[in-house]
PDB file of N, CA and C in Angstrom:
ATOM      1  N   ASN A   1      98.406 117.506 110.927  1.00  0.00           N
ATOM      2  CA  ASN A   1      99.502 116.550 111.039  1.00  0.00           C
ATOM      3  C   ASN A   1      99.441 115.928 112.437  1.00  0.00           C
ATOM      4  N   VAL A   2      98.992 114.684 112.511  1.00  0.00           N
ATOM      5  CA  VAL A   2      98.819 113.994 113.785  1.00  0.00           C
ATOM      6  C   VAL A   2     100.003 113.058 114.014  1.00  0.00           C
ATOM      7  N   PRO A   3     100.694 113.185 115.155  1.00  0.00           N
ATOM      8  CA  PRO A   3     101.816 112.272 115.410  1.00  0.00           C
ATOM      9  C   PRO A   3     101.315 110.846 115.606  1.00  0.00           C
ATOM     10  N   THR A   4     102.014 109.903 115.014  1.00  0.00           N
ATOM     11  CA  THR A   4     101.664 108.489 115.152  1.00  0.00           C
ATOM     12  C   THR A   4     102.929 107.680 115.363  1.00  0.00           C
ATOM     13  N   ILE A   5     102.741 106.456 115.824  1.00  0.00           N
ATOM     14  CA  ILE A   5     103.851 105.525 115.909  1.00  0.00           C
ATOM     15  C   ILE A   5     104.265 105.175 114.476  1.00  0.00           C
ATOM     16  N   ALA A   6     105.533 104.896 114.257  1.00  0.00           N
ATOM     17  CA  ALA A   6     106.015 104.577 112.913  1.00  0.00           C
ATOM     18  C   ALA A   6     105.276 103.353 112.370  1.00  0.00           C
ATOM     19  N   TRP A   7     104.844 103.461 111.126  1.00  0.00           N
ATOM     20  CA  TRP A   7     104.106 102.356 110.489  1.00  0.00           C
ATOM     21  C   TRP A   7     104.326 102.388 108.993  1.00  0.00           C
ATOM     22  N   SER A   8     103.764 101.425 108.280  1.00  0.00           N
ATOM     23  CA  SER A   8     103.988 101.312 106.837  1.00  0.00           C
ATOM     24  C   SER A   8     103.425 102.492 106.063  1.00  0.00           C
ATOM     25  N   GLY A   9     102.582 103.306 106.665  1.00  0.00           N
ATOM     26  CA  GLY A   9     102.051 104.502 106.018  1.00  0.00           C
ATOM     27  C   GLY A   9     102.698 105.788 106.486  1.00  0.00           C
ATOM     28  N   SER A  10     103.767 105.695 107.259  1.00  0.00           N
ATOM     29  CA  SER A  10     104.438 106.906 107.743  1.00  0.00           C
ATOM     30  C   SER A  10     104.873 107.775 106.580  1.00  0.00           C
ATOM     31  N   GLY A  11     104.636 109.078 106.729  1.00  0.00           N
ATOM     32  CA  GLY A  11     105.056 110.034 105.711  1.00  0.00           C
ATOM     33  C   GLY A  11     104.013 110.309 104.647  1.00  0.00           C
ATOM     34  N   LEU A  12     102.964 109.503 104.584  1.00  0.00           N
ATOM     35  CA  LEU A  12     101.914 109.746 103.599  1.00  0.00           C
ATOM     36  C   LEU A  12     100.977 110.826 104.121  1.00  0.00           C
ATOM     37  N   MET A  13     100.509 111.682 103.234  1.00  0.00           N
ATOM     38  CA  MET A  13      99.642 112.792 103.642  1.00  0.00           C
ATOM     39  C   MET A  13      98.440 112.884 102.705  1.00  0.00           C
ATOM     40  N   CYS A  14      97.284 113.206 103.286  1.00  0.00           N
ATOM     41  CA  CYS A  14      96.089 113.523 102.499  1.00  0.00           C
ATOM     42  C   CYS A  14      96.259 114.929 101.973  1.00  0.00           C
ATOM     43  N   THR A  15      96.199 115.111 100.675  1.00  0.00           N
ATOM     44  CA  THR A  15      96.417 116.442 100.118  1.00  0.00           C
ATOM     45  C   THR A  15      95.211 117.348 100.305  1.00  0.00           C
ATOM     46  N   ASP A  16      94.004 116.795 100.255  1.00  0.00           N
ATOM     47  CA  ASP A  16      92.824 117.647 100.423  1.00  0.00           C
ATOM     48  C   ASP A  16      92.385 117.729 101.875  1.00  0.00           C
ATOM     49  N   GLY A  17      93.006 116.950 102.745  1.00  0.00           N
ATOM     50  CA  GLY A  17      92.731 117.021 104.165  1.00  0.00           C
ATOM     51  C   GLY A  17      91.452 116.363 104.633  1.00  0.00           C
ATOM     52  N   SER A  18      90.720 115.700 103.752  1.00  0.00           N
ATOM     53  CA  SER A  18      89.453 115.153 104.212  1.00  0.00           C
ATOM     54  C   SER A  18      89.307 113.651 104.013  1.00  0.00           C
ATOM     55  N   GLU A  19      89.642 113.158 102.855  1.00  0.00           N
ATOM     56  CA  GLU A  19      89.386 111.759 102.560  1.00  0.00           C
ATOM     57  C   GLU A  19      90.647 111.069 102.056  1.00  0.00           C
ATOM     58  N   VAL A  20      90.820 109.828 102.471  1.00  0.00           N
ATOM     59  CA  VAL A  20      91.971 109.046 102.040  1.00  0.00           C
ATOM     60  C   VAL A  20      91.630 108.405 100.701  1.00  0.00           C
ATOM     61  N   SER A  21      92.382 108.739  99.676  1.00  0.00           N
ATOM     62  CA  SER A  21      92.146 108.159  98.351  1.00  0.00           C
ATOM     63  C   SER A  21      92.574 106.691  98.349  1.00  0.00           C
ATOM     64  N   GLN A  22      92.050 105.932  97.413  1.00  0.00           N
ATOM     65  CA  GLN A  22      92.427 104.524  97.293  1.00  0.00           C
ATOM     66  C   GLN A  22      93.912 104.394  96.996  1.00  0.00           C
ATOM     67  N   SER A  23      94.440 105.295  96.195  1.00  0.00           N
ATOM     68  CA  SER A  23      95.861 105.281  95.860  1.00  0.00           C
ATOM     69  C   SER A  23      96.728 105.471  97.107  1.00  0.00           C
ATOM     70  N   LEU A  24      96.358 106.430  97.941  1.00  0.00           N
ATOM     71  CA  LEU A  24      97.102 106.693  99.167  1.00  0.00           C
ATOM     72  C   LEU A  24      96.994 105.506 100.124  1.00  0.00           C
ATOM     73  N   PHE A  25      95.796 104.962 100.257  1.00  0.00           N
ATOM     74  CA  PHE A  25      95.574 103.786 101.098  1.00  0.00           C
ATOM     75  C   PHE A  25      96.460 102.630 100.633  1.00  0.00           C
ATOM     76  N   ASP A  26      96.484 102.400  99.322  1.00  0.00           N
ATOM     77  CA  ASP A  26      97.283 101.304  98.763  1.00  0.00           C
ATOM     78  C   ASP A  26      98.772 101.477  99.048  1.00  0.00           C
ATOM     79  N   GLN A  27      99.237 102.734  99.087  1.00  0.00           N
ATOM     80  CA  GLN A  27     100.648 102.990  99.369  1.00  0.00           C
ATOM     81  C   GLN A  27     101.032 102.581 100.788  1.00  0.00           C
ATOM     82  N   ALA A  28     100.077 102.623 101.709  1.00  0.00           N
ATOM     83  CA  ALA A  28     100.348 102.254 103.103  1.00  0.00           C
ATOM     84  C   ALA A  28     100.285 100.747 103.323  1.00  0.00           C
ATOM     85  N   CYS A  29      99.649 100.027 102.398  1.00  0.00           N
ATOM     86  CA  CYS A  29      99.454  98.574 102.552  1.00  0.00           C
ATOM     87  C   CYS A  29     100.702  97.789 102.161  1.00  0.00           C
ATOM     88  N   ILE A  30     100.840  96.650 102.796  1.00  0.00           N
ATOM     89  CA  ILE A  30     101.909  95.709 102.465  1.00  0.00           C
ATOM     90  C   ILE A  30     101.437  94.855 101.290  1.00  0.00           C
ATOM     91  N   LYS A  31     102.228  94.780 100.239  1.00  0.00           N
ATOM     92  CA  LYS A  31     101.802  94.119  99.010  1.00  0.00           C
ATOM     93  C   LYS A  31     102.031  92.607  98.994  1.00  0.00           C
ATOM     94  N   ASP A  32     103.134  92.178  99.590  1.00  0.00           N
ATOM     95  CA  ASP A  32     103.473  90.753  99.608  1.00  0.00           C
ATOM     96  C   ASP A  32     104.569  90.537 100.650  1.00  0.00           C
ATOM     97  N   ALA A  33     105.011  89.290 100.801  1.00  0.00           N
ATOM     98  CA  ALA A  33     106.000  88.963 101.834  1.00  0.00           C
ATOM     99  C   ALA A  33     107.323  89.707 101.618  1.00  0.00           C
ATOM    100  N   LYS A  34     107.762  89.829 100.374  1.00  0.00           N
ATOM    101  CA  LYS A  34     109.021  90.533 100.081  1.00  0.00           C
ATOM    102  C   LYS A  34     108.908  92.006 100.485  1.00  0.00           C
ATOM    103  N   HIS A  35     107.787  92.629 100.136  1.00  0.00           N
ATOM    104  CA  HIS A  35     107.563  94.026 100.508  1.00  0.00           C
ATOM    105  C   HIS A  35     107.510  94.172 102.023  1.00  0.00           C
ATOM    106  N   CYS A  36     106.922  93.197 102.693  1.00  0.00           N
ATOM    107  CA  CYS A  36     106.832  93.221 104.150  1.00  0.00           C
ATOM    108  C   CYS A  36     108.226  93.228 104.780  1.00  0.00           C
ATOM    109  N   VAL A  37     109.117  92.405 104.272  1.00  0.00           N
ATOM    110  CA  VAL A  37     110.498  92.366 104.771  1.00  0.00           C
ATOM    111  C   VAL A  37     111.164  93.729 104.585  1.00  0.00           C
ATOM    112  N   GLU A  38     110.986  94.331 103.410  1.00  0.00           N
ATOM    113  CA  GLU A  38     111.586  95.636 103.125  1.00  0.00           C
ATOM    114  C   GLU A  38     111.088  96.708 104.105  1.00  0.00           C
ATOM    115  N   VAL A  39     109.770  96.742 104.316  1.00  0.00           N
ATOM    116  CA  VAL A  39     109.189  97.742 105.208  1.00  0.00           C
ATOM    117  C   VAL A  39     109.641  97.505 106.646  1.00  0.00           C
ATOM    118  N   CYS A  40     109.648  96.257 107.064  1.00  0.00           N
ATOM    119  CA  CYS A  40     110.088  95.935 108.431  1.00  0.00           C
ATOM    120  C   CYS A  40     111.531  96.360 108.665  1.00  0.00           C
ATOM    121  N   ASN A  41     112.396  96.082 107.714  1.00  0.00           N
ATOM    122  CA  ASN A  41     113.799  96.474 107.851  1.00  0.00           C
ATOM    123  C   ASN A  41     113.952  97.988 107.896  1.00  0.00           C
ATOM    124  N   LYS A  42     113.116  98.695 107.155  1.00  0.00           N
ATOM    125  CA  LYS A  42     113.160 100.160 107.152  1.00  0.00           C
ATOM    126  C   LYS A  42     112.705 100.730 108.499  1.00  0.00           C
ATOM    127  N   LEU A  43     111.636 100.157 109.077  1.00  0.00           N
ATOM    128  CA  LEU A  43     111.083 100.677 110.332  1.00  0.00           C
ATOM    129  C   LEU A  43     111.900 100.281 111.547  1.00  0.00           C
ATOM    130  N   GLY A  44     112.529  99.107 111.509  1.00  0.00           N
ATOM    131  CA  GLY A  44     113.280  98.597 112.650  1.00  0.00           C
ATOM    132  C   GLY A  44     112.407  97.760 113.564  1.00  0.00           C
ATOM    133  N   TYR A  45     113.020  96.822 114.245  1.00  0.00           N
ATOM    134  CA  TYR A  45     112.294  95.849 115.066  1.00  0.00           C
ATOM    135  C   TYR A  45     112.290  96.273 116.532  1.00  0.00           C
ATOM    136  N   PRO A  46     111.350  95.812 117.340  1.00  0.00           N
ATOM    137  CA  PRO A  46     110.250  94.875 117.075  1.00  0.00           C
ATOM    138  C   PRO A  46     109.061  95.585 116.421  1.00  0.00           C
ATOM    139  N   LEU A  47     108.244  94.795 115.707  1.00  0.00           N
ATOM    140  CA  LEU A  47     107.111  95.316 114.949  1.00  0.00           C
ATOM    141  C   LEU A  47     105.897  94.417 115.100  1.00  0.00           C
ATOM    142  N   MET A  48     104.751  94.949 114.702  1.00  0.00           N
ATOM    143  CA  MET A  48     103.524  94.170 114.592  1.00  0.00           C
ATOM    144  C   MET A  48     103.111  94.160 113.128  1.00  0.00           C
ATOM    145  N   ILE A  49     102.780  92.986 112.624  1.00  0.00           N
ATOM    146  CA  ILE A  49     102.185  92.848 111.297  1.00  0.00           C
ATOM    147  C   ILE A  49     100.702  92.633 111.547  1.00  0.00           C
ATOM    148  N   LYS A  50      99.867  93.504 110.977  1.00  0.00           N
ATOM    149  CA  LYS A  50      98.451  93.527 111.340  1.00  0.00           C
ATOM    150  C   LYS A  50      97.548  93.536 110.116  1.00  0.00           C
ATOM    151  N   ALA A  51      96.526  92.688 110.154  1.00  0.00           N
ATOM    152  CA  ALA A  51      95.472  92.740 109.139  1.00  0.00           C
ATOM    153  C   ALA A  51      94.482  93.820 109.559  1.00  0.00           C
ATOM    154  N   SER A  52      94.162  94.698 108.662  1.00  0.00           N
ATOM    155  CA  SER A  52      93.240  95.789 108.961  1.00  0.00           C
ATOM    156  C   SER A  52      91.886  95.274 109.451  1.00  0.00           C
ATOM    157  N   GLU A  53      91.459  94.158 108.929  1.00  0.00           N
ATOM    158  CA  GLU A  53      90.140  93.623 109.259  1.00  0.00           C
ATOM    159  C   GLU A  53      90.216  92.510 110.308  1.00  0.00           C
ATOM    160  N   GLY A  54      91.348  92.381 110.973  1.00  0.00           N
ATOM    161  CA  GLY A  54      91.500  91.371 112.017  1.00  0.00           C
ATOM    162  C   GLY A  54      90.830  91.809 113.304  1.00  0.00           C
ATOM    163  N   GLY A  55      90.843  90.932 114.271  1.00  0.00           N
ATOM    164  CA  GLY A  55      90.266  91.232 115.576  1.00  0.00           C
ATOM    165  C   GLY A  55      90.216  89.977 116.415  1.00  0.00           C
ATOM    166  N   GLY A  56      90.058  90.149 117.699  1.00  0.00           N
ATOM    167  CA  GLY A  56      89.979  88.988 118.586  1.00  0.00           C
ATOM    168  C   GLY A  56      91.230  88.131 118.559  1.00  0.00           C
ATOM    169  N   GLY A  57      92.383  88.753 118.301  1.00  0.00           N
ATOM    170  CA  GLY A  57      93.637  88.008 118.263  1.00  0.00           C
ATOM    171  C   GLY A  57      93.961  87.421 116.904  1.00  0.00           C
ATOM    172  N   LYS A  58      93.072  87.536 115.938  1.00  0.00           N
ATOM    173  CA  LYS A  58      93.317  87.022 114.577  1.00  0.00           C
ATOM    174  C   LYS A  58      93.964  88.100 113.725  1.00  0.00           C
ATOM    175  N   GLY A  59      94.892  87.682 112.877  1.00  0.00           N
ATOM    176  CA  GLY A  59      95.494  88.605 111.932  1.00  0.00           C
ATOM    177  C   GLY A  59      96.473  89.586 112.527  1.00  0.00           C
ATOM    178  N   ILE A  60      97.215  89.153 113.535  1.00  0.00           N
ATOM    179  CA  ILE A  60      98.222  90.029 114.132  1.00  0.00           C
ATOM    180  C   ILE A  60      99.392  89.172 114.628  1.00  0.00           C
ATOM    181  N   ARG A  61     100.607  89.584 114.300  1.00  0.00           N
ATOM    182  CA  ARG A  61     101.801  88.856 114.723  1.00  0.00           C
ATOM    183  C   ARG A  61     102.902  89.849 115.081  1.00  0.00           C
ATOM    184  N   MET A  62     103.616  89.546 116.152  1.00  0.00           N
ATOM    185  CA  MET A  62     104.789  90.326 116.535  1.00  0.00           C
ATOM    186  C   MET A  62     106.010  89.696 115.888  1.00  0.00           C
ATOM    187  N   VAL A  63     106.902  90.532 115.381  1.00  0.00           N
ATOM    188  CA  VAL A  63     108.179  90.055 114.844  1.00  0.00           C
ATOM    189  C   VAL A  63     109.308  90.848 115.484  1.00  0.00           C
ATOM    190  N   LYS A  64     110.334  90.121 115.882  1.00  0.00           N
ATOM    191  CA  LYS A  64     111.494  90.760 116.514  1.00  0.00           C
ATOM    192  C   LYS A  64     112.725  90.746 115.626  1.00  0.00           C
ATOM    193  N   THR A  65     112.696  89.897 114.574  1.00  0.00           N
ATOM    194  CA  THR A  65     113.842  89.792 113.670  1.00  0.00           C
ATOM    195  C   THR A  65     113.355  89.612 112.238  1.00  0.00           C
ATOM    196  N   GLU A  66     114.228  89.897 111.303  1.00  0.00           N
ATOM    197  CA  GLU A  66     113.914  89.723 109.881  1.00  0.00           C
ATOM    198  C   GLU A  66     113.530  88.279 109.561  1.00  0.00           C
ATOM    199  N   GLU A  67     114.159  87.336 110.247  1.00  0.00           N
ATOM    200  CA  GLU A  67     113.900  85.922 109.977  1.00  0.00           C
ATOM    201  C   GLU A  67     112.455  85.506 110.269  1.00  0.00           C
ATOM    202  N   GLU A  68     111.764  86.245 111.105  1.00  0.00           N
ATOM    203  CA  GLU A  68     110.390  85.914 111.474  1.00  0.00           C
ATOM    204  C   GLU A  68     109.341  86.513 110.532  1.00  0.00           C
ATOM    205  N   VAL A  69     109.747  87.458 109.694  1.00  0.00           N
ATOM    206  CA  VAL A  69     108.780  88.264 108.942  1.00  0.00           C
ATOM    207  C   VAL A  69     107.970  87.453 107.936  1.00  0.00           C
ATOM    208  N   VAL A  70     108.602  86.669 107.103  1.00  0.00           N
ATOM    209  CA  VAL A  70     107.871  85.968 106.033  1.00  0.00           C
ATOM    210  C   VAL A  70     106.812  85.035 106.611  1.00  0.00           C
ATOM    211  N   ASN A  71     107.166  84.233 107.601  1.00  0.00           N
ATOM    212  CA  ASN A  71     106.178  83.327 108.203  1.00  0.00           C
ATOM    213  C   ASN A  71     105.045  84.098 108.876  1.00  0.00           C
ATOM    214  N   ALA A  72     105.388  85.179 109.572  1.00  0.00           N
ATOM    215  CA  ALA A  72     104.366  85.983 110.246  1.00  0.00           C
ATOM    216  C   ALA A  72     103.436  86.635 109.225  1.00  0.00           C
ATOM    217  N   TYR A  73     104.002  87.144 108.145  1.00  0.00           N
ATOM    218  CA  TYR A  73     103.185  87.759 107.092  1.00  0.00           C
ATOM    219  C   TYR A  73     102.176  86.739 106.540  1.00  0.00           C
ATOM    220  N   HIS A  74     102.649  85.547 106.218  1.00  0.00           N
ATOM    221  CA  HIS A  74     101.754  84.517 105.661  1.00  0.00           C
ATOM    222  C   HIS A  74     100.696  84.091 106.674  1.00  0.00           C
ATOM    223  N   ALA A  75     101.039  84.044 107.947  1.00  0.00           N
ATOM    224  CA  ALA A  75     100.060  83.698 108.992  1.00  0.00           C
ATOM    225  C   ALA A  75      98.964  84.754 109.061  1.00  0.00           C
ATOM    226  N   VAL A  76      99.350  86.015 109.052  1.00  0.00           N
ATOM    227  CA  VAL A  76      98.379  87.116 109.101  1.00  0.00           C
ATOM    228  C   VAL A  76      97.483  87.075 107.864  1.00  0.00           C
ATOM    229  N   ALA A  77      98.093  86.945 106.696  1.00  0.00           N
ATOM    230  CA  ALA A  77      97.328  86.929 105.445  1.00  0.00           C
ATOM    231  C   ALA A  77      96.384  85.726 105.385  1.00  0.00           C
ATOM    232  N   GLY A  78      96.778  84.612 105.969  1.00  0.00           N
ATOM    233  CA  GLY A  78      95.941  83.418 105.955  1.00  0.00           C
ATOM    234  C   GLY A  78      94.784  83.465 106.943  1.00  0.00           C
ATOM    235  N   GLU A  79      94.962  84.204 108.031  1.00  0.00           N
ATOM    236  CA  GLU A  79      93.908  84.285 109.050  1.00  0.00           C
ATOM    237  C   GLU A  79      92.793  85.256 108.684  1.00  0.00           C
ATOM    238  N   VAL A  80      93.124  86.302 107.951  1.00  0.00           N
ATOM    239  CA  VAL A  80      92.120  87.293 107.545  1.00  0.00           C
ATOM    240  C   VAL A  80      92.307  87.500 106.033  1.00  0.00           C
ATOM    241  N   VAL A  81      91.776  86.573 105.278  1.00  0.00           N
ATOM    242  CA  VAL A  81      91.987  86.525 103.832  1.00  0.00           C
ATOM    243  C   VAL A  81      91.459  87.799 103.161  1.00  0.00           C
ATOM    244  N   ARG A  82      92.261  88.335 102.262  1.00  0.00           N
ATOM    245  CA  ARG A  82      91.961  89.533 101.470  1.00  0.00           C
ATOM    246  C   ARG A  82      91.898  90.829 102.275  1.00  0.00           C
ATOM    247  N   SER A  83      92.304  90.807 103.516  1.00  0.00           N
ATOM    248  CA  SER A  83      92.353  92.044 104.302  1.00  0.00           C
ATOM    249  C   SER A  83      93.611  92.821 103.951  1.00  0.00           C
ATOM    250  N   PRO A  84      93.522  94.138 103.904  1.00  0.00           N
ATOM    251  CA  PRO A  84      94.749  94.943 103.784  1.00  0.00           C
ATOM    252  C   PRO A  84      95.643  94.656 104.998  1.00  0.00           C
ATOM    253  N   ILE A  85      96.951  94.674 104.790  1.00  0.00           N
ATOM    254  CA  ILE A  85      97.909  94.396 105.864  1.00  0.00           C
ATOM    255  C   ILE A  85      98.824  95.601 106.024  1.00  0.00           C
ATOM    256  N   PHE A  86      99.074  95.945 107.295  1.00  0.00           N
ATOM    257  CA  PHE A  86      99.949  97.054 107.648  1.00  0.00           C
ATOM    258  C   PHE A  86     101.021  96.555 108.597  1.00  0.00           C
ATOM    259  N   VAL A  87     102.083  97.332 108.732  1.00  0.00           N
ATOM    260  CA  VAL A  87     103.154  97.046 109.685  1.00  0.00           C
ATOM    261  C   VAL A  87     103.317  98.280 110.560  1.00  0.00           C
ATOM    262  N   MET A  88     103.479  98.065 111.861  1.00  0.00           N
ATOM    263  CA  MET A  88     103.726  99.196 112.757  1.00  0.00           C
ATOM    264  C   MET A  88     104.715  98.806 113.841  1.00  0.00           C
ATOM    265  N   LYS A  89     105.459  99.821 114.328  1.00  0.00           N
ATOM    266  CA  LYS A  89     106.390  99.580 115.433  1.00  0.00           C
ATOM    267  C   LYS A  89     105.615  99.059 116.627  1.00  0.00           C
ATOM    268  N   LEU A  90     106.226  98.170 117.379  1.00  0.00           N
ATOM    269  CA  LEU A  90     105.633  97.654 118.609  1.00  0.00           C
ATOM    270  C   LEU A  90     105.843  98.678 119.716  1.00  0.00           C
ATOM    271  N   ALA A  91     104.765  99.105 120.321  1.00  0.00           N
ATOM    272  CA  ALA A  91     104.844 100.038 121.455  1.00  0.00           C
ATOM    273  C   ALA A  91     104.950  99.206 122.732  1.00  0.00           C
ATOM    274  N   THR A  92     105.993  99.422 123.500  1.00  0.00           N
ATOM    275  CA  THR A  92     106.189  98.653 124.732  1.00  0.00           C
ATOM    276  C   THR A  92     106.023  99.565 125.940  1.00  0.00           C
ATOM    277  N   ASP A  93     105.661  98.974 127.060  1.00  0.00           N
ATOM    278  CA  ASP A  93     105.488  99.704 128.320  1.00  0.00           C
ATOM    279  C   ASP A  93     104.534 100.895 128.179  1.00  0.00           C
ATOM    280  N   VAL A  94     103.398 100.645 127.522  1.00  0.00           N
ATOM    281  CA  VAL A  94     102.393 101.690 127.320  1.00  0.00           C
ATOM    282  C   VAL A  94     101.017 101.147 127.687  1.00  0.00           C
ATOM    283  N   ARG A  95     100.061 102.023 127.813  1.00  0.00           N
ATOM    284  CA  ARG A  95      98.663 101.653 128.013  1.00  0.00           C
ATOM    285  C   ARG A  95      97.959 101.762 126.668  1.00  0.00           C
ATOM    286  N   HIS A  96      97.060 100.839 126.380  1.00  0.00           N
ATOM    287  CA  HIS A  96      96.278 100.844 125.147  1.00  0.00           C
ATOM    288  C   HIS A  96      94.857 101.264 125.504  1.00  0.00           C
ATOM    289  N   LEU A  97      94.531 102.500 125.193  1.00  0.00           N
ATOM    290  CA  LEU A  97      93.201 103.028 125.466  1.00  0.00           C
ATOM    291  C   LEU A  97      92.479 103.251 124.145  1.00  0.00           C
ATOM    292  N   GLU A  98      91.202 102.951 124.131  1.00  0.00           N
ATOM    293  CA  GLU A  98      90.382 103.213 122.954  1.00  0.00           C
ATOM    294  C   GLU A  98      89.254 104.152 123.337  1.00  0.00           C
ATOM    295  N   VAL A  99      88.964 105.065 122.439  1.00  0.00           N
ATOM    296  CA  VAL A  99      87.852 105.995 122.616  1.00  0.00           C
ATOM    297  C   VAL A  99      86.885 105.749 121.467  1.00  0.00           C
ATOM    298  N   GLN A 100      85.640 105.483 121.788  1.00  0.00           N
ATOM    299  CA  GLN A 100      84.636 105.266 120.751  1.00  0.00           C
ATOM    300  C   GLN A 100      83.958 106.597 120.454  1.00  0.00           C
ATOM    301  N   LEU A 101      83.965 106.981 119.161  1.00  0.00           N
ATOM    302  CA  LEU A 101      83.405 108.251 118.728  1.00  0.00           C
ATOM    303  C   LEU A 101      82.209 108.020 117.819  1.00  0.00           C
ATOM    304  N   LEU A 102      81.269 108.932 117.882  1.00  0.00           N
ATOM    305  CA  LEU A 102      80.120 108.923 116.986  1.00  0.00           C
ATOM    306  C   LEU A 102      80.088 110.292 116.318  1.00  0.00           C
ATOM    307  N   ALA A 103      80.115 110.293 114.981  1.00  0.00           N
ATOM    308  CA  ALA A 103      80.132 111.559 114.244  1.00  0.00           C
ATOM    309  C   ALA A 103      79.092 111.513 113.133  1.00  0.00           C
ATOM    310  N   ASP A 104      78.621 112.698 112.724  1.00  0.00           N
ATOM    311  CA  ASP A 104      77.654 112.752 111.627  1.00  0.00           C
ATOM    312  C   ASP A 104      78.219 113.575 110.474  1.00  0.00           C
ATOM    313  N   GLU A 105      77.450 113.667 109.423  1.00  0.00           N
ATOM    314  CA  GLU A 105      77.894 114.351 108.211  1.00  0.00           C
ATOM    315  C   GLU A 105      77.995 115.866 108.381  1.00  0.00           C
ATOM    316  N   HIS A 106      77.485 116.396 109.472  1.00  0.00           N
ATOM    317  CA  HIS A 106      77.515 117.838 109.725  1.00  0.00           C
ATOM    318  C   HIS A 106      78.724 118.259 110.561  1.00  0.00           C
ATOM    319  N   GLY A 107      79.567 117.304 110.927  1.00  0.00           N
ATOM    320  CA  GLY A 107      80.759 117.613 111.701  1.00  0.00           C
ATOM    321  C   GLY A 107      80.587 117.511 113.204  1.00  0.00           C
ATOM    322  N   SER A 108      79.395 117.115 113.653  1.00  0.00           N
ATOM    323  CA  SER A 108      79.189 116.912 115.090  1.00  0.00           C
ATOM    324  C   SER A 108      79.831 115.590 115.503  1.00  0.00           C
ATOM    325  N   CYS A 109      80.467 115.605 116.658  1.00  0.00           N
ATOM    326  CA  CYS A 109      81.163 114.406 117.126  1.00  0.00           C
ATOM    327  C   CYS A 109      81.107 114.341 118.644  1.00  0.00           C
ATOM    328  N   ILE A 110      80.811 113.154 119.181  1.00  0.00           N
ATOM    329  CA  ILE A 110      80.801 112.953 120.628  1.00  0.00           C
ATOM    330  C   ILE A 110      81.562 111.681 120.969  1.00  0.00           C
ATOM    331  N   SER A 111      82.084 111.643 122.176  1.00  0.00           N
ATOM    332  CA  SER A 111      82.736 110.436 122.692  1.00  0.00           C
ATOM    333  C   SER A 111      81.692 109.630 123.449  1.00  0.00           C
ATOM    334  N   LEU A 112      81.534 108.364 123.070  1.00  0.00           N
ATOM    335  CA  LEU A 112      80.550 107.513 123.729  1.00  0.00           C
ATOM    336  C   LEU A 112      81.102 106.887 124.997  1.00  0.00           C
ATOM    337  N   ARG A 113      82.340 106.447 124.943  1.00  0.00           N
ATOM    338  CA  ARG A 113      82.959 105.828 126.108  1.00  0.00           C
ATOM    339  C   ARG A 113      84.418 105.531 125.794  1.00  0.00           C
ATOM    340  N   THR A 114      85.156 105.192 126.820  1.00  0.00           N
ATOM    341  CA  THR A 114      86.539 104.767 126.637  1.00  0.00           C
ATOM    342  C   THR A 114      86.697 103.386 127.244  1.00  0.00           C
ATOM    343  N   ARG A 115      87.757 102.711 126.847  1.00  0.00           N
ATOM    344  CA  ARG A 115      88.059 101.422 127.463  1.00  0.00           C
ATOM    345  C   ARG A 115      89.558 101.217 127.476  1.00  0.00           C
ATOM    346  N   ASP A 116      90.016 100.566 128.517  1.00  0.00           N
ATOM    347  CA  ASP A 116      91.430 100.243 128.658  1.00  0.00           C
ATOM    348  C   ASP A 116      91.623  98.830 128.141  1.00  0.00           C
ATOM    349  N   CYS A 117      92.319  98.717 127.040  1.00  0.00           N
ATOM    350  CA  CYS A 117      92.537  97.414 126.404  1.00  0.00           C
ATOM    351  C   CYS A 117      93.943  96.888 126.685  1.00  0.00           C
ATOM    352  N   SER A 118      94.587  97.414 127.717  1.00  0.00           N
ATOM    353  CA  SER A 118      95.977  97.049 128.002  1.00  0.00           C
ATOM    354  C   SER A 118      96.125  95.604 128.462  1.00  0.00           C
ATOM    355  N   VAL A 119      95.107  95.071 129.114  1.00  0.00           N
ATOM    356  CA  VAL A 119      95.193  93.702 129.625  1.00  0.00           C
ATOM    357  C   VAL A 119      94.762  92.758 128.507  1.00  0.00           C
ATOM    358  N   GLN A 120      95.764  92.115 127.883  1.00  0.00           N
ATOM    359  CA  GLN A 120      95.485  91.226 126.764  1.00  0.00           C
ATOM    360  C   GLN A 120      96.308  89.962 126.908  1.00  0.00           C
ATOM    361  N   ARG A 121      95.803  88.897 126.304  1.00  0.00           N
ATOM    362  CA  ARG A 121      96.524  87.632 126.227  1.00  0.00           C
ATOM    363  C   ARG A 121      96.605  87.275 124.752  1.00  0.00           C
ATOM    364  N   ARG A 122      97.814  87.070 124.247  1.00  0.00           N
ATOM    365  CA  ARG A 122      98.016  86.778 122.834  1.00  0.00           C
ATOM    366  C   ARG A 122      97.298  87.806 121.955  1.00  0.00           C
ATOM    367  N   HIS A 123      97.405  89.089 122.332  1.00  0.00           N
ATOM    368  CA  HIS A 123      96.866  90.220 121.574  1.00  0.00           C
ATOM    369  C   HIS A 123      95.343  90.225 121.536  1.00  0.00           C
ATOM    370  N   GLN A 124      94.681  89.517 122.444  1.00  0.00           N
ATOM    371  CA  GLN A 124      93.222  89.525 122.518  1.00  0.00           C
ATOM    372  C   GLN A 124      92.799  90.084 123.870  1.00  0.00           C
ATOM    373  N   LYS A 125      91.882  91.028 123.854  1.00  0.00           N
ATOM    374  CA  LYS A 125      91.422  91.655 125.093  1.00  0.00           C
ATOM    375  C   LYS A 125      90.766  90.624 125.988  1.00  0.00           C
ATOM    376  N   ILE A 126      91.130  90.619 127.285  1.00  0.00           N
ATOM    377  CA  ILE A 126      90.482  89.713 128.225  1.00  0.00           C
ATOM    378  C   ILE A 126      89.691  90.466 129.294  1.00  0.00           C
ATOM    379  N   ILE A 127      89.919  91.770 129.419  1.00  0.00           N
ATOM    380  CA  ILE A 127      89.146  92.604 130.328  1.00  0.00           C
ATOM    381  C   ILE A 127      88.735  93.864 129.580  1.00  0.00           C
ATOM    382  N   GLU A 128      87.465  94.185 129.608  1.00  0.00           N
ATOM    383  CA  GLU A 128      86.989  95.431 129.044  1.00  0.00           C
ATOM    384  C   GLU A 128      86.202  96.174 130.113  1.00  0.00           C
ATOM    385  N   GLU A 129      86.471  97.460 130.218  1.00  0.00           N
ATOM    386  CA  GLU A 129      85.780  98.268 131.211  1.00  0.00           C
ATOM    387  C   GLU A 129      84.605  98.973 130.585  1.00  0.00           C
TER     388      GLU A 129
END
């Protein structure tokens, strides 16, 4: 059980502990604009609406109120067509660090490097270490 920031998949658990089933994955995804509003209202604002396959500032929108959700959802869905979409609480006053891992089928895993992605403009990294 790994603690995470509240998101559209909060509370879902892998029963076998190893692989995420398609059914479980689908439960975490936002289905349409109406569903997005429901999930956002449940989680509380501010939030990020994110396309799973987005990057470089594409497919991500911050929403602070219910009135912003439908337009933001459609913008995300239009920028990364057919990508699964998730919603997560906006983390403020934090550092965004990424660790790149390499793992094999035998369970061996190493960290290749880390990077501080905290310095961003419009949700796009502008400095990478």
